[in-house]
Amino acid sequence: MKTFNFSSQKFYTVFKGSILASVSLVLLLITATAFRSQQDNPDAIVGVWKTGEGNAMVRIYKNGEKYQGKVVWLKEPTDPETGKPKQDKNHPDEANRTRPVLGLVNIWGFSFKENNLWDDGNIYDPKNGSTYSCTIKMINPNTLEVRGYIGVSIIGRTDNWTRQQAK
């Protein structure tokens, strides 16, 4: 019959490695399960997201059966030319050029499809006054891949948005 010397360094190292491997595996499974449950959750997109350039934050929310978002923060909220809040001065409709960018609904019409994909939406860029078709894909619980395009989604631009936590 073998007996173990619990004070031996070798046993401690093996035991310690086994515990760390088990804890790591459990944490990995919890993370994977949490992300999997987000895949089936159409409301996972709801929250405040910072754009890839970091110059704006958009609050995405549910409006009826669709998802939309509005600008809730601007890095530079004041127009340097006028000293007043930035306005939607590039909008194609002249009547809308005096509306403020802060509070502007700039994404709308999104429907949850499956596997972390929201589609059939639009995104408006106040920098150039253009509206694009758009898809949003959740890469992980804190990252959105926002793709705006004209016509075919192959021709377009992708921006990664980061979830912002309430402080």
Foldseek 3Di string as FASTA:
>chain_A
DDDDDVVDPVVVVVVVVVVVVVVVVVVVVVQVVVFVVLQVPPCLPAAWKAWQVRQWIWGWDDDPQKIWIATADGNPQADPVPRHGQALLQAPDNVRRRHHRHGGTFKIDWHDDGRQKTAPIWGADSVHNDIFGWMWGDPGSFKIWIWGDHDDSVHTDIIIIGGDDDD
